[in-house]
């Protein structure tokens, strides 16, 4: 497999930071320790079927995924990261993290995160939530926790080996690789003896994941409401309401998932369906109500989003060393992982 490579090496120092931020287009923002010294960094990304692996070399920095970035790009892959330097920061709901060098940890792109680390070489495994439903409870439960056990170290060794051997993999190897990665993550983060009696938090995460999959599969179904979800998910109305209470309730949750789908369609330059057609297909009462909800959620109207998608050019920078810029940005590649 040939990786997608992005590098700022060879660019003028004053252009390096903007180039790097362009590569992380709406995924992360970065703040370097000393912007005047330039930002010489390189990212290699292997697209391994339904998931991806990235190796990043970068100077000392702070990286952020804010609520505003999540609204602009609501992709919610998990990331399992291993760095050669210690990592400090926050994930999720202000949960502090302090992860030693060489120890993996889990974060979610669906929630805010911030990290601080010295100049480093890091491996990051990107797992699309839709592609790994069996890992939902395990990875959400492990978010922000240093995986410093012997099994966690085994996971670090596995990812290091995967990065080293990716160049020798072919398309034929990819068919079984996703299940192998899922099995390794389960074995290392949640050994089998832990699966017999999952706690209440794990049960809630699993149920929420079930509801999310049902909702996403029925976004264009006008019958998608509480009664439908209770029947399909096999839970009572009170259980459903408690489960989605933190999401603002059942109706709010369904609407946000529909708006997220609308955003995906309007962000795709190849999708020429009208705003009205998209609104109707997603079961909004009329285009006006869709537009009001869309602007409230994302800060711009559906028409403005469509115009930006049609006129915008993917971020790309010339490279003196002939690096491969086919992926255009990390955002573009993460979308490819999600599509498998």
C-alpha atoms as a PDB file:
ATOM      1  CA  UNK A   1       0.000   0.000   0.000  1.00  0.00           C
ATOM      2  CA  UNK A   2       1.275   3.465  -0.898  1.00  0.00           C
ATOM      3  CA  UNK A   3       0.550   6.105   1.756  1.00  0.00           C
ATOM      4  CA  UNK A   4      -0.852   9.572   1.125  1.00  0.00           C
ATOM      5  CA  UNK A   5       1.963  11.905   2.172  1.00  0.00           C
ATOM      6  CA  UNK A   6       1.624  15.534   3.176  1.00  0.00           C
ATOM      7  CA  UNK A   7       4.629  17.562   4.258  1.00  0.00           C
ATOM      8  CA  UNK A   8       5.560  21.153   4.875  1.00  0.00           C
ATOM      9  CA  UNK A   9       9.252  20.352   4.427  1.00  0.00           C
ATOM     10  CA  UNK A  10      10.617  22.486   1.600  1.00  0.00           C
ATOM     11  CA  UNK A  11       8.031  25.248   2.000  1.00  0.00           C
ATOM     12  CA  UNK A  12       9.099  28.719   3.183  1.00  0.00           C
ATOM     13  CA  UNK A  13       8.936  28.876   6.976  1.00  0.00           C
ATOM     14  CA  UNK A  14       6.271  31.572   6.926  1.00  0.00           C
ATOM     15  CA  UNK A  15       3.936  29.298   4.908  1.00  0.00           C
ATOM     16  CA  UNK A  16       4.451  26.035   6.783  1.00  0.00           C
ATOM     17  CA  UNK A  17       1.929  26.540   9.599  1.00  0.00           C
ATOM     18  CA  UNK A  18      -0.888  27.614   7.258  1.00  0.00           C
ATOM     19  CA  UNK A  19      -0.134  24.612   5.060  1.00  0.00           C
ATOM     20  CA  UNK A  20      -0.353  22.239   8.008  1.00  0.00           C
ATOM     21  CA  UNK A  21      -3.596  23.782   9.227  1.00  0.00           C
ATOM     22  CA  UNK A  22      -4.973  23.401   5.718  1.00  0.00           C
ATOM     23  CA  UNK A  23      -4.134  19.708   5.766  1.00  0.00           C
ATOM     24  CA  UNK A  24      -6.090  19.278   9.014  1.00  0.00           C
ATOM     25  CA  UNK A  25      -9.032  21.147   7.431  1.00  0.00           C
ATOM     26  CA  UNK A  26     -11.774  21.342  10.149  1.00  0.00           C
ATOM     27  CA  UNK A  27     -10.447  18.230  11.938  1.00  0.00           C
ATOM     28  CA  UNK A  28      -7.964  19.934  14.276  1.00  0.00           C
ATOM     29  CA  UNK A  29      -6.470  23.346  14.839  1.00  0.00           C
ATOM     30  CA  UNK A  30      -2.861  23.502  15.962  1.00  0.00           C
ATOM     31  CA  UNK A  31      -0.879  26.112  17.878  1.00  0.00           C
ATOM     32  CA  UNK A  32       2.917  25.683  17.687  1.00  0.00           C
ATOM     33  CA  UNK A  33       5.304  26.476  20.492  1.00  0.00           C
ATOM     34  CA  UNK A  34       7.202  29.026  18.392  1.00  0.00           C
ATOM     35  CA  UNK A  35       5.488  30.088  15.129  1.00  0.00           C
ATOM     36  CA  UNK A  36       8.527  32.162  14.125  1.00  0.00           C
ATOM     37  CA  UNK A  37      10.597  29.004  13.749  1.00  0.00           C
ATOM     38  CA  UNK A  38       8.337  27.601  11.053  1.00  0.00           C
ATOM     39  CA  UNK A  39       6.454  24.323  11.218  1.00  0.00           C
ATOM     40  CA  UNK A  40       8.340  21.505   9.529  1.00  0.00           C
ATOM     41  CA  UNK A  41       6.058  18.451   9.716  1.00  0.00           C
ATOM     42  CA  UNK A  42       5.081  15.360   7.747  1.00  0.00           C
ATOM     43  CA  UNK A  43       2.013  13.092   7.745  1.00  0.00           C
ATOM     44  CA  UNK A  44       1.785   9.666   6.116  1.00  0.00           C
ATOM     45  CA  UNK A  45      -1.657   8.050   5.916  1.00  0.00           C
ATOM     46  CA  UNK A  46      -2.433   4.484   4.843  1.00  0.00           C
ATOM     47  CA  UNK A  47      -5.995   3.814   3.676  1.00  0.00           C
ATOM     48  CA  UNK A  48      -6.549   0.242   4.836  1.00  0.00           C
ATOM     49  CA  UNK A  49     -10.026  -0.473   3.575  1.00  0.00           C
ATOM     50  CA  UNK A  50     -12.573   0.667   6.158  1.00  0.00           C
ATOM     51  CA  UNK A  51     -10.088   2.391   8.466  1.00  0.00           C
ATOM     52  CA  UNK A  52      -6.818   4.293   8.354  1.00  0.00           C
ATOM     53  CA  UNK A  53      -3.436   4.578  10.024  1.00  0.00           C
ATOM     54  CA  UNK A  54      -1.424   7.801  10.174  1.00  0.00           C
ATOM     55  CA  UNK A  55       2.181   8.448  11.153  1.00  0.00           C
ATOM     56  CA  UNK A  56       2.869  12.102  12.025  1.00  0.00           C
ATOM     57  CA  UNK A  57       6.130  13.891  12.744  1.00  0.00           C
ATOM     58  CA  UNK A  58       5.603  17.401  14.066  1.00  0.00           C
ATOM     59  CA  UNK A  59       7.218  20.018  16.328  1.00  0.00           C
ATOM     60  CA  UNK A  60       6.011  20.820  19.830  1.00  0.00           C
ATOM     61  CA  UNK A  61       2.381  21.906  19.601  1.00  0.00           C
ATOM     62  CA  UNK A  62      -1.059  22.138  21.115  1.00  0.00           C
ATOM     63  CA  UNK A  63      -3.865  20.504  19.110  1.00  0.00           C
ATOM     64  CA  UNK A  64      -7.561  21.256  19.547  1.00  0.00           C
ATOM     65  CA  UNK A  65     -10.849  19.861  18.307  1.00  0.00           C
ATOM     66  CA  UNK A  66     -13.392  22.373  19.533  1.00  0.00           C
ATOM     67  CA  UNK A  67     -17.185  22.297  19.571  1.00  0.00           C
ATOM     68  CA  UNK A  68     -17.100  24.751  16.649  1.00  0.00           C
ATOM     69  CA  UNK A  69     -14.958  22.366  14.576  1.00  0.00           C
ATOM     70  CA  UNK A  70     -17.278  19.480  15.429  1.00  0.00           C
ATOM     71  CA  UNK A  71     -20.227  21.509  14.160  1.00  0.00           C
ATOM     72  CA  UNK A  72     -18.371  22.360  10.949  1.00  0.00           C
ATOM     73  CA  UNK A  73     -17.283  18.757  10.409  1.00  0.00           C
ATOM     74  CA  UNK A  74     -19.286  16.293  12.547  1.00  0.00           C
ATOM     75  CA  UNK A  75     -17.234  13.218  11.634  1.00  0.00           C
ATOM     76  CA  UNK A  76     -16.920  11.098  14.778  1.00  0.00           C
ATOM     77  CA  UNK A  77     -14.190   8.504  14.253  1.00  0.00           C
ATOM     78  CA  UNK A  78     -12.337   7.097  17.225  1.00  0.00           C
ATOM     79  CA  UNK A  79      -8.571   7.637  17.374  1.00  0.00           C
ATOM     80  CA  UNK A  80      -6.136   5.338  19.133  1.00  0.00           C
ATOM     81  CA  UNK A  81      -2.878   7.280  19.517  1.00  0.00           C
ATOM     82  CA  UNK A  82       0.635   6.254  20.516  1.00  0.00           C
ATOM     83  CA  UNK A  83       3.304   8.945  20.913  1.00  0.00           C
ATOM     84  CA  UNK A  84       6.974   8.905  21.729  1.00  0.00           C
ATOM     85  CA  UNK A  85       6.419  11.858  24.056  1.00  0.00           C
ATOM     86  CA  UNK A  86       4.112  12.360  27.002  1.00  0.00           C
ATOM     87  CA  UNK A  87       0.664  13.803  26.165  1.00  0.00           C
ATOM     88  CA  UNK A  88      -1.341  16.169  28.374  1.00  0.00           C
ATOM     89  CA  UNK A  89      -4.780  17.608  27.731  1.00  0.00           C
ATOM     90  CA  UNK A  90      -8.512  17.027  27.929  1.00  0.00           C
ATOM     91  CA  UNK A  91     -10.989  14.780  26.146  1.00  0.00           C
ATOM     92  CA  UNK A  92     -14.774  14.594  26.196  1.00  0.00           C
ATOM     93  CA  UNK A  93     -16.424  16.540  29.003  1.00  0.00           C
ATOM     94  CA  UNK A  94     -13.268  18.158  30.424  1.00  0.00           C
ATOM     95  CA  UNK A  95     -11.717  14.815  31.364  1.00  0.00           C
ATOM     96  CA  UNK A  96      -8.012  15.434  31.992  1.00  0.00           C
ATOM     97  CA  UNK A  97      -5.482  13.113  30.385  1.00  0.00           C
ATOM     98  CA  UNK A  98      -1.830  12.469  31.203  1.00  0.00           C
ATOM     99  CA  UNK A  99      -0.489   9.695  28.991  1.00  0.00           C
ATOM    100  CA  UNK A 100       3.128   8.494  29.248  1.00  0.00           C
ATOM    101  CA  UNK A 101       5.283   8.027  26.172  1.00  0.00           C
ATOM    102  CA  UNK A 102       4.670   4.794  24.311  1.00  0.00           C
ATOM    103  CA  UNK A 103       1.275   4.178  25.923  1.00  0.00           C
ATOM    104  CA  UNK A 104      -1.842   4.147  23.696  1.00  0.00           C
ATOM    105  CA  UNK A 105      -4.979   6.122  24.515  1.00  0.00           C
ATOM    106  CA  UNK A 106      -8.423   6.532  22.943  1.00  0.00           C
ATOM    107  CA  UNK A 107     -10.180   9.755  21.928  1.00  0.00           C
ATOM    108  CA  UNK A 108     -13.286  10.491  19.876  1.00  0.00           C
ATOM    109  CA  UNK A 109     -13.565  13.066  17.098  1.00  0.00           C
ATOM    110  CA  UNK A 110     -17.222  13.375  18.056  1.00  0.00           C
ATOM    111  CA  UNK A 111     -16.304  15.183  21.286  1.00  0.00           C
ATOM    112  CA  UNK A 112     -13.995  18.122  22.087  1.00  0.00           C
ATOM    113  CA  UNK A 113     -10.368  17.327  22.808  1.00  0.00           C
ATOM    114  CA  UNK A 114      -7.133  19.188  23.439  1.00  0.00           C
ATOM    115  CA  UNK A 115      -3.594  17.869  23.686  1.00  0.00           C
ATOM    116  CA  UNK A 116      -0.134  19.239  24.383  1.00  0.00           C
ATOM    117  CA  UNK A 117       3.059  17.406  23.495  1.00  0.00           C
ATOM    118  CA  UNK A 118       6.684  18.023  22.641  1.00  0.00           C
ATOM    119  CA  UNK A 119       8.131  17.410  19.187  1.00  0.00           C
ATOM    120  CA  UNK A 120       7.009  13.899  18.457  1.00  0.00           C
ATOM    121  CA  UNK A 121       6.450  11.011  16.079  1.00  0.00           C
ATOM    122  CA  UNK A 122       2.973   9.588  16.641  1.00  0.00           C
ATOM    123  CA  UNK A 123       0.881   6.745  15.283  1.00  0.00           C
ATOM    124  CA  UNK A 124      -2.874   7.304  15.051  1.00  0.00           C
ATOM    125  CA  UNK A 125      -5.390   4.595  14.192  1.00  0.00           C
ATOM    126  CA  UNK A 126      -8.651   6.075  12.843  1.00  0.00           C
ATOM    127  CA  UNK A 127     -11.679   3.802  13.294  1.00  0.00           C
ATOM    128  CA  UNK A 128     -15.000   4.985  11.789  1.00  0.00           C
ATOM    129  CA  UNK A 129     -17.808   4.488  14.274  1.00  0.00           C
ATOM    130  CA  UNK A 130     -20.125   3.028  11.625  1.00  0.00           C
ATOM    131  CA  UNK A 131     -17.481   0.516  10.536  1.00  0.00           C
ATOM    132  CA  UNK A 132     -16.799  -0.866  14.034  1.00  0.00           C
ATOM    133  CA  UNK A 133     -20.137  -1.007  15.913  1.00  0.00           C
ATOM    134  CA  UNK A 134     -18.918  -3.871  18.118  1.00  0.00           C
ATOM    135  CA  UNK A 135     -16.257  -1.559  19.575  1.00  0.00           C
ATOM    136  CA  UNK A 136     -18.654   1.211  20.626  1.00  0.00           C
ATOM    137  CA  UNK A 137     -18.945   0.370  24.319  1.00  0.00           C
ATOM    138  CA  UNK A 138     -15.291  -0.635  24.642  1.00  0.00           C
ATOM    139  CA  UNK A 139     -13.773   2.466  23.038  1.00  0.00           C
ATOM    140  CA  UNK A 140     -16.194   4.964  24.581  1.00  0.00           C
ATOM    141  CA  UNK A 141     -15.504   3.423  27.968  1.00  0.00           C
ATOM    142  CA  UNK A 142     -11.743   3.680  27.457  1.00  0.00           C
ATOM    143  CA  UNK A 143     -11.732   7.306  26.255  1.00  0.00           C
ATOM    144  CA  UNK A 144      -8.854   9.289  27.742  1.00  0.00           C
ATOM    145  CA  UNK A 145      -7.549   6.427  29.864  1.00  0.00           C
ATOM    146  CA  UNK A 146      -3.866   5.494  29.401  1.00  0.00           C
ATOM    147  CA  UNK A 147      -3.751   1.858  28.240  1.00  0.00           C
ATOM    148  CA  UNK A 148      -0.611   1.084  30.182  1.00  0.00           C
ATOM    149  CA  UNK A 149      -1.347  -2.566  31.010  1.00  0.00           C
ATOM    150  CA  UNK A 150       0.636  -5.380  29.366  1.00  0.00           C
ATOM    151  CA  UNK A 151      -2.270  -5.828  26.922  1.00  0.00           C
ATOM    152  CA  UNK A 152      -2.208  -2.101  26.131  1.00  0.00           C
ATOM    153  CA  UNK A 153       1.487  -2.357  25.373  1.00  0.00           C
ATOM    154  CA  UNK A 154       0.707  -5.300  23.113  1.00  0.00           C
ATOM    155  CA  UNK A 155      -1.731  -3.075  21.221  1.00  0.00           C
ATOM    156  CA  UNK A 156       1.024  -0.457  20.824  1.00  0.00           C
ATOM    157  CA  UNK A 157       3.350  -3.123  19.429  1.00  0.00           C
ATOM    158  CA  UNK A 158       0.634  -4.304  17.039  1.00  0.00           C
ATOM    159  CA  UNK A 159       0.038  -0.806  15.642  1.00  0.00           C
ATOM    160  CA  UNK A 160       3.774  -0.217  15.285  1.00  0.00           C
ATOM    161  CA  UNK A 161       4.070  -3.471  13.346  1.00  0.00           C
ATOM    162  CA  UNK A 162       1.057  -2.553  11.201  1.00  0.00           C
ATOM    163  CA  UNK A 163       2.662   0.766  10.261  1.00  0.00           C
ATOM    164  CA  UNK A 164       5.949  -0.926   9.440  1.00  0.00           C
ATOM    165  CA  UNK A 165       4.329  -3.604   7.272  1.00  0.00           C
ATOM    166  CA  UNK A 166       1.704  -1.426   5.542  1.00  0.00           C
ATOM    167  CA  UNK A 167       3.975  -0.850   2.561  1.00  0.00           C
ATOM    168  CA  UNK A 168       4.001  -4.589   1.846  1.00  0.00           C
ATOM    169  CA  UNK A 169       0.221  -5.052   2.076  1.00  0.00           C
ATOM    170  CA  UNK A 170      -1.876  -5.487  -1.050  1.00  0.00           C
ATOM    171  CA  UNK A 171      -5.594  -5.112  -1.736  1.00  0.00           C
ATOM    172  CA  UNK A 172      -5.953  -8.871  -1.176  1.00  0.00           C
ATOM    173  CA  UNK A 173      -4.767  -8.482   2.429  1.00  0.00           C
ATOM    174  CA  UNK A 174      -7.332  -5.834   3.291  1.00  0.00           C
ATOM    175  CA  UNK A 175     -10.394  -8.101   3.315  1.00  0.00           C
ATOM    176  CA  UNK A 176      -9.499  -9.714   6.645  1.00  0.00           C
ATOM    177  CA  UNK A 177      -7.553  -6.844   8.147  1.00  0.00           C
ATOM    178  CA  UNK A 178     -10.528  -4.963   9.570  1.00  0.00           C
ATOM    179  CA  UNK A 179     -11.738  -7.950  11.587  1.00  0.00           C
ATOM    180  CA  UNK A 180      -8.167  -8.603  12.759  1.00  0.00           C
ATOM    181  CA  UNK A 181      -7.828  -5.025  14.014  1.00  0.00           C
ATOM    182  CA  UNK A 182     -11.219  -5.213  15.730  1.00  0.00           C
ATOM    183  CA  UNK A 183     -10.240  -8.466  17.445  1.00  0.00           C
ATOM    184  CA  UNK A 184      -6.920  -7.035  18.612  1.00  0.00           C
ATOM    185  CA  UNK A 185      -8.538  -3.878  20.010  1.00  0.00           C
ATOM    186  CA  UNK A 186     -11.137  -5.926  21.881  1.00  0.00           C
ATOM    187  CA  UNK A 187      -8.543  -8.304  23.262  1.00  0.00           C
ATOM    188  CA  UNK A 188      -6.203  -5.537  24.413  1.00  0.00           C
ATOM    189  CA  UNK A 189      -8.648  -2.938  25.756  1.00  0.00           C
ATOM    190  CA  UNK A 190     -11.371  -5.223  27.131  1.00  0.00           C
ATOM    191  CA  UNK A 191     -10.074  -8.767  27.769  1.00  0.00           C
ATOM    192  CA  UNK A 192     -12.678 -11.520  27.565  1.00  0.00           C
ATOM    193  CA  UNK A 193     -13.198 -11.822  31.302  1.00  0.00           C
ATOM    194  CA  UNK A 194     -14.517  -8.257  31.324  1.00  0.00           C
ATOM    195  CA  UNK A 195     -17.232  -8.976  28.763  1.00  0.00           C
ATOM    196  CA  UNK A 196     -19.302 -11.234  30.979  1.00  0.00           C
ATOM    197  CA  UNK A 197     -20.750  -8.502  33.181  1.00  0.00           C
ATOM    198  CA  UNK A 198     -20.712  -5.097  31.522  1.00  0.00           C
ATOM    199  CA  UNK A 199     -21.451  -2.199  33.836  1.00  0.00           C
ATOM    200  CA  UNK A 200     -24.332   0.267  33.495  1.00  0.00           C
ATOM    201  CA  UNK A 201     -22.187   2.763  31.565  1.00  0.00           C
ATOM    202  CA  UNK A 202     -21.205   0.145  28.992  1.00  0.00           C
ATOM    203  CA  UNK A 203     -24.821  -0.985  28.646  1.00  0.00           C
ATOM    204  CA  UNK A 204     -25.951   2.629  28.094  1.00  0.00           C
ATOM    205  CA  UNK A 205     -23.266   3.205  25.460  1.00  0.00           C
ATOM    206  CA  UNK A 206     -24.270   0.005  23.668  1.00  0.00           C
ATOM    207  CA  UNK A 207     -27.949   0.970  23.697  1.00  0.00           C
ATOM    208  CA  UNK A 208     -27.138   4.467  22.474  1.00  0.00           C
ATOM    209  CA  UNK A 209     -25.117   2.994  19.627  1.00  0.00           C
ATOM    210  CA  UNK A 210     -28.051   0.752  18.714  1.00  0.00           C
ATOM    211  CA  UNK A 211     -30.397   3.739  18.638  1.00  0.00           C
ATOM    212  CA  UNK A 212     -27.945   5.754  16.544  1.00  0.00           C
ATOM    213  CA  UNK A 213     -27.711   3.010  13.915  1.00  0.00           C
ATOM    214  CA  UNK A 214     -31.517   2.702  13.742  1.00  0.00           C
ATOM    215  CA  UNK A 215     -31.930   6.469  13.424  1.00  0.00           C
ATOM    216  CA  UNK A 216     -29.273   6.782  10.719  1.00  0.00           C
ATOM    217  CA  UNK A 217     -30.844   3.942   8.746  1.00  0.00           C
ATOM    218  CA  UNK A 218     -34.270   5.633   8.861  1.00  0.00           C
ATOM    219  CA  UNK A 219     -33.518   9.327   8.365  1.00  0.00           C
ATOM    220  CA  UNK A 220     -35.835   9.392   5.343  1.00  0.00           C
ATOM    221  CA  UNK A 221     -38.612   7.505   7.108  1.00  0.00           C
ATOM    222  CA  UNK A 222     -41.434   9.820   8.201  1.00  0.00           C
ATOM    223  CA  UNK A 223     -42.377   7.279  10.902  1.00  0.00           C
ATOM    224  CA  UNK A 224     -39.063   7.797  12.692  1.00  0.00           C
ATOM    225  CA  UNK A 225     -40.137   8.890  16.159  1.00  0.00           C
ATOM    226  CA  UNK A 226     -40.127   7.591  19.730  1.00  0.00           C
ATOM    227  CA  UNK A 227     -42.625   4.761  19.191  1.00  0.00           C
ATOM    228  CA  UNK A 228     -40.726   3.506  16.140  1.00  0.00           C
ATOM    229  CA  UNK A 229     -37.394   3.587  17.991  1.00  0.00           C
ATOM    230  CA  UNK A 230     -38.791   1.758  21.013  1.00  0.00           C
ATOM    231  CA  UNK A 231     -40.107  -1.005  18.796  1.00  0.00           C
ATOM    232  CA  UNK A 232     -36.957  -1.351  16.696  1.00  0.00           C
ATOM    233  CA  UNK A 233     -34.512  -1.094  19.619  1.00  0.00           C
ATOM    234  CA  UNK A 234     -36.585  -3.275  21.964  1.00  0.00           C
ATOM    235  CA  UNK A 235     -36.743  -0.779  24.818  1.00  0.00           C
ATOM    236  CA  UNK A 236     -39.454   1.072  26.701  1.00  0.00           C
ATOM    237  CA  UNK A 237     -40.323   4.716  26.129  1.00  0.00           C
ATOM    238  CA  UNK A 238     -38.916   5.666  29.555  1.00  0.00           C
ATOM    239  CA  UNK A 239     -35.645   3.860  28.785  1.00  0.00           C
ATOM    240  CA  UNK A 240     -35.379   5.675  25.457  1.00  0.00           C
ATOM    241  CA  UNK A 241     -36.079   9.069  27.016  1.00  0.00           C
ATOM    242  CA  UNK A 242     -33.478   8.509  29.747  1.00  0.00           C
ATOM    243  CA  UNK A 243     -30.966   7.352  27.154  1.00  0.00           C
ATOM    244  CA  UNK A 244     -31.344  10.485  25.026  1.00  0.00           C
ATOM    245  CA  UNK A 245     -31.963  12.983  27.807  1.00  0.00           C
ATOM    246  CA  UNK A 246     -28.424  14.368  27.518  1.00  0.00           C
ATOM    247  CA  UNK A 247     -28.993  14.805  23.760  1.00  0.00           C
ATOM    248  CA  UNK A 248     -31.912  17.155  24.324  1.00  0.00           C
ATOM    249  CA  UNK A 249     -34.583  14.487  23.894  1.00  0.00           C
ATOM    250  CA  UNK A 250     -35.684  12.110  21.161  1.00  0.00           C
ATOM    251  CA  UNK A 251     -36.941  14.702  18.676  1.00  0.00           C
ATOM    252  CA  UNK A 252     -33.848  16.891  19.013  1.00  0.00           C
ATOM    253  CA  UNK A 253     -31.568  13.896  18.548  1.00  0.00           C
ATOM    254  CA  UNK A 254     -33.362  12.749  15.388  1.00  0.00           C
ATOM    255  CA  UNK A 255     -33.320  16.264  13.967  1.00  0.00           C
ATOM    256  CA  UNK A 256     -29.581  16.679  14.558  1.00  0.00           C
ATOM    257  CA  UNK A 257     -28.863  13.383  12.819  1.00  0.00           C
ATOM    258  CA  UNK A 258     -30.971  14.522   9.863  1.00  0.00           C
ATOM    259  CA  UNK A 259     -29.177  17.864   9.776  1.00  0.00           C
ATOM    260  CA  UNK A 260     -25.846  16.069   9.830  1.00  0.00           C
ATOM    261  CA  UNK A 261     -26.932  14.051   6.787  1.00  0.00           C
ATOM    262  CA  UNK A 262     -28.090  17.248   5.095  1.00  0.00           C
ATOM    263  CA  UNK A 263     -24.688  18.798   5.766  1.00  0.00           C
ATOM    264  CA  UNK A 264     -22.951  15.794   4.206  1.00  0.00           C
ATOM    265  CA  UNK A 265     -25.079  16.042   1.060  1.00  0.00           C
ATOM    266  CA  UNK A 266     -24.695  19.811   0.709  1.00  0.00           C
ATOM    267  CA  UNK A 267     -20.926  19.545   1.243  1.00  0.00           C
ATOM    268  CA  UNK A 268     -20.591  17.125  -1.677  1.00  0.00           C
ATOM    269  CA  UNK A 269     -20.009  19.072  -4.928  1.00  0.00           C
ATOM    270  CA  UNK A 270     -21.184  16.037  -6.907  1.00  0.00           C
ATOM    271  CA  UNK A 271     -24.590  16.127  -5.202  1.00  0.00           C
ATOM    272  CA  UNK A 272     -26.760  18.486  -7.285  1.00  0.00           C
ATOM    273  CA  UNK A 273     -30.067  17.851  -5.529  1.00  0.00           C
ATOM    274  CA  UNK A 274     -31.830  21.070  -4.562  1.00  0.00           C
ATOM    275  CA  UNK A 275     -32.061  22.234  -0.969  1.00  0.00           C
ATOM    276  CA  UNK A 276     -35.805  21.690  -1.188  1.00  0.00           C
ATOM    277  CA  UNK A 277     -35.375  18.090  -2.357  1.00  0.00           C
ATOM    278  CA  UNK A 278     -32.882  17.332   0.424  1.00  0.00           C
ATOM    279  CA  UNK A 279     -35.189  18.882   3.038  1.00  0.00           C
ATOM    280  CA  UNK A 280     -38.182  16.883   1.815  1.00  0.00           C
ATOM    281  CA  UNK A 281     -36.229  13.613   1.682  1.00  0.00           C
ATOM    282  CA  UNK A 282     -35.093  14.162   5.275  1.00  0.00           C
ATOM    283  CA  UNK A 283     -38.709  14.636   6.398  1.00  0.00           C
ATOM    284  CA  UNK A 284     -38.636  18.334   7.231  1.00  0.00           C
ATOM    285  CA  UNK A 285     -42.031  20.011   6.986  1.00  0.00           C
ATOM    286  CA  UNK A 286     -40.776  22.505   4.406  1.00  0.00           C
ATOM    287  CA  UNK A 287     -37.492  23.985   3.087  1.00  0.00           C
ATOM    288  CA  UNK A 288     -37.824  27.011   5.377  1.00  0.00           C
ATOM    289  CA  UNK A 289     -37.885  24.940   8.564  1.00  0.00           C
ATOM    290  CA  UNK A 290     -34.901  22.939   7.296  1.00  0.00           C
ATOM    291  CA  UNK A 291     -32.977  26.139   6.525  1.00  0.00           C
ATOM    292  CA  UNK A 292     -33.706  27.650   9.949  1.00  0.00           C
ATOM    293  CA  UNK A 293     -32.646  24.500  11.794  1.00  0.00           C
ATOM    294  CA  UNK A 294     -29.566  24.082   9.576  1.00  0.00           C
ATOM    295  CA  UNK A 295     -28.348  27.637  10.161  1.00  0.00           C
ATOM    296  CA  UNK A 296     -28.936  27.343  13.900  1.00  0.00           C
ATOM    297  CA  UNK A 297     -26.932  24.108  14.023  1.00  0.00           C
ATOM    298  CA  UNK A 298     -24.045  24.981  11.694  1.00  0.00           C
ATOM    299  CA  UNK A 299     -23.958  28.783  11.553  1.00  0.00           C
ATOM    300  CA  UNK A 300     -24.692  29.146   7.836  1.00  0.00           C
ATOM    301  CA  UNK A 301     -27.628  28.493   5.558  1.00  0.00           C
ATOM    302  CA  UNK A 302     -27.985  25.426   3.296  1.00  0.00           C
ATOM    303  CA  UNK A 303     -27.597  27.685   0.253  1.00  0.00           C
ATOM    304  CA  UNK A 304     -24.358  29.151   1.639  1.00  0.00           C
ATOM    305  CA  UNK A 305     -23.083  25.643   2.332  1.00  0.00           C
ATOM    306  CA  UNK A 306     -23.934  24.526  -1.206  1.00  0.00           C
ATOM    307  CA  UNK A 307     -22.250  27.570  -2.754  1.00  0.00           C
ATOM    308  CA  UNK A 308     -19.114  27.007  -0.673  1.00  0.00           C
ATOM    309  CA  UNK A 309     -18.957  23.369  -1.741  1.00  0.00           C
ATOM    310  CA  UNK A 310     -19.381  24.210  -5.428  1.00  0.00           C
ATOM    311  CA  UNK A 311     -16.879  27.059  -5.501  1.00  0.00           C
ATOM    312  CA  UNK A 312     -14.313  25.813  -3.000  1.00  0.00           C
ATOM    313  CA  UNK A 313     -11.089  24.055  -4.012  1.00  0.00           C
ATOM    314  CA  UNK A 314      -9.644  21.346  -1.729  1.00  0.00           C
ATOM    315  CA  UNK A 315      -6.654  22.657   0.204  1.00  0.00           C
ATOM    316  CA  UNK A 316      -3.487  21.691  -1.608  1.00  0.00           C
ATOM    317  CA  UNK A 317       0.053  23.070  -1.452  1.00  0.00           C
ATOM    318  CA  UNK A 318       2.964  22.638  -3.831  1.00  0.00           C
ATOM    319  CA  UNK A 319       5.827  20.541  -2.509  1.00  0.00           C
ATOM    320  CA  UNK A 320       9.416  20.860  -3.502  1.00  0.00           C
ATOM    321  CA  UNK A 321      10.035  17.172  -2.775  1.00  0.00           C
ATOM    322  CA  UNK A 322       7.208  15.741  -4.896  1.00  0.00           C
ATOM    323  CA  UNK A 323       5.007  14.583  -2.028  1.00  0.00           C
ATOM    324  CA  UNK A 324       1.717  12.916  -2.874  1.00  0.00           C
ATOM    325  CA  UNK A 325      -1.151  15.374  -2.292  1.00  0.00           C
ATOM    326  CA  UNK A 326      -3.861  13.182  -3.812  1.00  0.00           C
ATOM    327  CA  UNK A 327      -5.757  13.093  -0.511  1.00  0.00           C
ATOM    328  CA  UNK A 328      -6.013  16.922  -0.413  1.00  0.00           C
ATOM    329  CA  UNK A 329      -6.615  16.980   3.343  1.00  0.00           C
ATOM    330  CA  UNK A 330      -6.985  14.717   6.348  1.00  0.00           C
ATOM    331  CA  UNK A 331     -10.693  15.561   6.324  1.00  0.00           C
ATOM    332  CA  UNK A 332     -10.955  14.103   2.806  1.00  0.00           C
ATOM    333  CA  UNK A 333      -9.186  10.896   3.841  1.00  0.00           C
ATOM    334  CA  UNK A 334     -11.311  10.413   6.975  1.00  0.00           C
ATOM    335  CA  UNK A 335     -14.383  10.624   4.784  1.00  0.00           C
ATOM    336  CA  UNK A 336     -12.934   7.883   2.615  1.00  0.00           C
ATOM    337  CA  UNK A 337     -12.399   5.645   5.675  1.00  0.00           C
ATOM    338  CA  UNK A 338     -16.032   6.148   6.655  1.00  0.00           C
ATOM    339  CA  UNK A 339     -17.183   5.095   3.201  1.00  0.00           C
ATOM    340  CA  UNK A 340     -14.922   2.037   3.333  1.00  0.00           C
END
